[in-house]
Amino acid sequence: MFIRSTLNAAMAATALIGLTACAGNMTTTPPDMKKSMASDQSMLPDTMKVPAGHQVALETVGKGLITYECRAKKDMAGQYEWAFAGPDAQLLDAMGKQVGKYHGPPATWEAMDGSKITGKQLAVAPGGAGNIPLQFVQADPAMGMGKMTGVTYIQRLKTQGGVAPAAECGAANMGAKTTVNYQADYIFWKAV
């Protein structure tokens, strides 16, 4: 009986060590083993999905600021709002190295090699409370030769922050500007 109890306790301890090791491995997956930011389009609304016949050309994380300006609301006399005035962000690769920048207006994605693109917004989708919307853009032809050459679509996903400030906006501070922090994944696609 004593031998069986000791054996059962040893087997339980071995199983616990094995589960602990597995759990530890799950939280320390090396970056090269992690899923691509763009690998699962199935979770996106149809309006945000890239058409078939395209592949990911570049995956970046944009980190920076969005500027808002206090302006009169269009066609609404006596009413004011914080209006989007433009972004200023670094585009970083998976290792945190700057590979480009995002600025505007007009909204411009520029690689470190000088190639850059603008585009036309096709769709937006909610990004969650306190976050700017997800965005789907059709790229204009690139200016300059480099990483942005041939980019056809851009997705802004996994947004964090960036919404208009809650500060007062009225006649007394019309024209005032303020910035807010934001982050988002920018996925660049090319036709295959």
Protein backbone atom coordinates (compact mmCIF):
# COMPACT_ATOMS: atom_id res chain seq x y z
CA MET A 1 0.00 0.00 0.00
CA PHE A 2 2.83 2.39 0.90
CA ILE A 3 4.62 1.67 -2.42
CA ARG A 4 1.39 2.30 -4.40
CA SER A 5 0.77 5.63 -2.56
CA THR A 6 4.36 6.74 -3.17
CA LEU A 7 4.11 5.72 -6.83
CA ASN A 8 0.82 7.63 -7.25
CA ALA A 9 2.31 10.70 -5.57
CA ALA A 10 5.38 10.54 -7.84
CA MET A 11 3.17 10.22 -10.95
CA ALA A 12 1.05 13.20 -9.83
CA ALA A 13 4.16 15.29 -9.20
CA THR A 14 5.56 14.36 -12.63
CA ALA A 15 2.26 15.32 -14.30
CA LEU A 16 2.20 18.64 -12.42
CA ILE A 17 5.78 19.42 -13.49
CA GLY A 18 4.90 18.57 -17.09
CA LEU A 19 1.82 20.83 -17.05
CA THR A 20 3.82 23.65 -15.47
CA ALA A 21 6.50 23.31 -18.14
CA CYS A 22 3.88 23.37 -20.89
CA ALA A 23 2.22 26.44 -19.41
CA GLY A 24 5.60 28.15 -19.16
CA ASN A 25 6.32 27.38 -22.81
CA MET A 26 2.98 28.79 -23.88
CA THR A 27 3.75 32.20 -22.40
CA THR A 28 7.29 32.41 -23.75
CA THR A 29 6.70 31.58 -27.40
CA PRO A 30 9.56 33.04 -29.43
CA PRO A 31 8.58 35.91 -31.77
CA ASP A 32 9.28 33.82 -34.88
CA MET A 33 6.67 31.29 -33.75
CA LYS A 34 3.89 33.81 -33.16
CA LYS A 35 1.11 34.15 -35.71
CA SER A 36 1.36 36.87 -38.29
CA MET A 37 -0.71 39.96 -37.45
CA ALA A 38 -2.61 39.47 -40.71
CA SER A 39 -2.86 35.68 -40.72
CA ASP A 40 -6.50 35.53 -39.62
CA GLN A 41 -8.80 37.67 -41.75
CA SER A 42 -11.81 35.56 -40.64
CA MET A 43 -12.30 37.71 -37.52
CA LEU A 44 -12.74 40.91 -39.56
CA PRO A 45 -15.99 42.27 -40.99
CA ASP A 46 -16.30 41.50 -44.72
CA THR A 47 -15.84 45.19 -45.56
CA MET A 48 -12.37 45.09 -43.96
CA LYS A 49 -11.07 41.96 -45.72
CA VAL A 50 -8.45 42.09 -48.45
CA PRO A 51 -9.65 40.55 -51.73
CA ALA A 52 -8.25 37.20 -52.86
CA GLY A 53 -5.09 37.39 -54.95
CA HIS A 54 -3.12 39.51 -52.47
CA GLN A 55 -0.41 38.71 -49.96
CA VAL A 56 1.12 40.55 -47.03
CA ALA A 57 4.08 42.67 -48.13
CA LEU A 58 4.86 44.40 -44.83
CA GLU A 59 3.54 44.24 -41.26
CA THR A 60 4.15 47.17 -38.94
CA VAL A 61 3.03 48.68 -35.67
CA GLY A 62 2.34 52.40 -35.79
CA LYS A 63 3.06 54.28 -32.57
CA GLY A 64 2.62 58.01 -32.29
CA LEU A 65 0.22 60.91 -32.01
CA ILE A 66 -2.99 62.06 -33.60
CA THR A 67 -3.64 65.80 -33.66
CA TYR A 68 -7.15 67.18 -33.22
CA GLU A 69 -8.26 70.78 -33.80
CA CYS A 70 -11.26 72.52 -32.25
CA ARG A 71 -13.47 73.52 -35.20
CA ALA A 72 -17.02 74.61 -35.91
CA LYS A 73 -19.23 71.67 -36.92
CA LYS A 74 -20.07 71.72 -40.60
CA ASP A 75 -23.59 73.02 -41.27
CA MET A 76 -24.31 73.28 -37.53
CA ALA A 77 -24.13 76.92 -36.46
CA GLY A 78 -22.89 77.50 -32.92
CA GLN A 79 -21.67 73.91 -32.41
CA TYR A 80 -18.04 72.82 -32.18
CA GLU A 81 -16.05 69.58 -32.20
CA TRP A 82 -12.55 68.18 -31.99
CA ALA A 83 -11.82 67.35 -35.63
CA PHE A 84 -9.10 65.00 -36.85
CA ALA A 85 -6.18 67.11 -38.12
CA GLY A 86 -3.56 64.44 -38.85
CA PRO A 87 -1.31 61.61 -37.64
CA ASP A 88 2.39 61.55 -36.82
CA ALA A 89 3.63 58.04 -36.05
CA GLN A 90 6.61 55.77 -36.48
CA LEU A 91 6.07 52.45 -38.28
CA LEU A 92 7.97 49.70 -36.45
CA ASP A 93 8.76 46.12 -37.42
CA ALA A 94 8.26 43.11 -35.13
CA MET A 95 11.62 43.78 -33.46
CA GLY A 96 10.74 47.44 -32.70
CA LYS A 97 13.00 48.90 -35.40
CA GLN A 98 11.63 51.89 -37.29
CA VAL A 99 10.90 50.94 -40.92
CA GLY A 100 8.81 53.96 -41.88
CA LYS A 101 6.48 56.71 -40.78
CA TYR A 102 2.83 57.67 -41.10
CA HIS A 103 1.92 61.34 -41.35
CA GLY A 104 -0.52 63.74 -42.95
CA PRO A 105 -2.60 65.29 -44.25
CA PRO A 106 -2.98 63.72 -46.65
CA ALA A 107 -2.54 60.39 -44.87
CA THR A 108 0.84 59.15 -46.10
CA TRP A 109 2.69 55.93 -45.30
CA GLU A 110 6.40 56.33 -46.04
CA ALA A 111 9.15 53.70 -45.89
CA MET A 112 12.66 54.57 -44.72
CA ASP A 113 13.82 54.15 -48.35
CA GLY A 114 11.70 57.19 -49.31
CA SER A 115 8.95 55.33 -51.19
CA LYS A 116 5.50 56.42 -50.03
CA ILE A 117 1.81 55.96 -50.67
CA THR A 118 -1.47 57.70 -50.02
CA GLY A 119 -4.87 56.10 -50.51
CA LYS A 120 -8.64 56.14 -50.47
CA GLN A 121 -10.55 54.89 -47.43
CA LEU A 122 -12.86 52.03 -48.39
CA ALA A 123 -14.26 51.04 -44.99
CA VAL A 124 -14.05 51.48 -41.24
CA ALA A 125 -15.17 49.24 -38.39
CA PRO A 126 -15.37 49.79 -34.63
CA GLY A 127 -12.06 49.47 -32.82
CA GLY A 128 -13.55 49.13 -29.35
CA ALA A 129 -14.29 51.65 -26.62
CA GLY A 130 -11.68 54.40 -26.42
CA ASN A 131 -9.98 53.33 -29.68
CA ILE A 132 -10.03 54.85 -33.15
CA PRO A 133 -11.78 52.68 -35.75
CA LEU A 134 -10.18 49.93 -37.79
CA GLN A 135 -9.62 51.12 -41.35
CA PHE A 136 -9.32 49.60 -44.83
CA VAL A 137 -7.60 51.70 -47.51
CA GLN A 138 -7.00 51.20 -51.22
CA ALA A 139 -3.51 52.51 -51.97
CA ASP A 140 -2.71 54.96 -54.74
CA PRO A 141 0.33 54.12 -56.88
CA ALA A 142 3.55 54.54 -54.92
CA MET A 143 5.75 57.59 -55.21
CA GLY A 144 9.39 56.53 -55.48
CA MET A 145 10.80 53.02 -55.72
CA GLY A 146 11.10 50.84 -52.64
CA LYS A 147 9.06 48.93 -50.06
CA MET A 148 5.84 50.79 -50.86
CA THR A 149 6.07 50.04 -54.58
CA GLY A 150 3.19 47.78 -55.59
CA VAL A 151 1.22 48.12 -52.32
CA THR A 152 -2.48 47.85 -53.17
CA TYR A 153 -4.23 47.83 -49.78
CA ILE A 154 -3.53 48.92 -46.20
CA GLN A 155 -5.35 47.68 -43.11
CA ARG A 156 -5.28 49.50 -39.77
CA LEU A 157 -6.02 46.87 -37.12
CA LYS A 158 -5.72 46.38 -33.34
CA THR A 159 -6.13 50.08 -32.61
CA GLN A 160 -5.37 51.45 -29.16
CA GLY A 161 -6.34 54.98 -28.12
CA GLY A 162 -6.34 57.90 -30.52
CA VAL A 163 -9.90 59.12 -29.99
CA ALA A 164 -10.77 62.83 -29.81
CA PRO A 165 -10.08 64.40 -26.42
CA ALA A 166 -12.84 64.93 -23.87
CA ALA A 167 -11.64 68.50 -23.24
CA GLU A 168 -13.98 71.42 -23.89
CA CYS A 169 -14.18 72.61 -27.50
CA GLY A 170 -16.13 75.82 -28.15
CA ALA A 171 -16.02 79.34 -29.54
CA ALA A 172 -13.51 80.39 -26.85
CA ASN A 173 -10.86 77.88 -27.98
CA MET A 174 -11.73 77.43 -31.67
CA GLY A 175 -8.52 76.68 -33.58
CA ALA A 176 -6.82 75.12 -30.54
CA LYS A 177 -4.92 71.90 -31.23
CA THR A 178 -4.20 68.95 -28.99
CA THR A 179 -2.56 65.57 -29.48
CA VAL A 180 -3.45 62.11 -28.19
CA ASN A 181 -1.36 58.92 -28.15
CA TYR A 182 -2.35 55.96 -30.26
CA GLN A 183 -1.08 52.64 -31.58
CA ALA A 184 -2.27 50.39 -34.41
CA ASP A 185 -1.09 47.56 -36.62
CA TYR A 186 -0.66 48.61 -40.27
CA ILE A 187 -0.68 45.71 -42.71
CA PHE A 188 0.43 46.43 -46.30
CA TRP A 189 -0.75 44.11 -49.10
CA LYS A 190 0.41 43.54 -52.69
CA ALA A 191 -1.16 41.60 -55.57
CA VAL A 192 0.40 38.17 -56.23
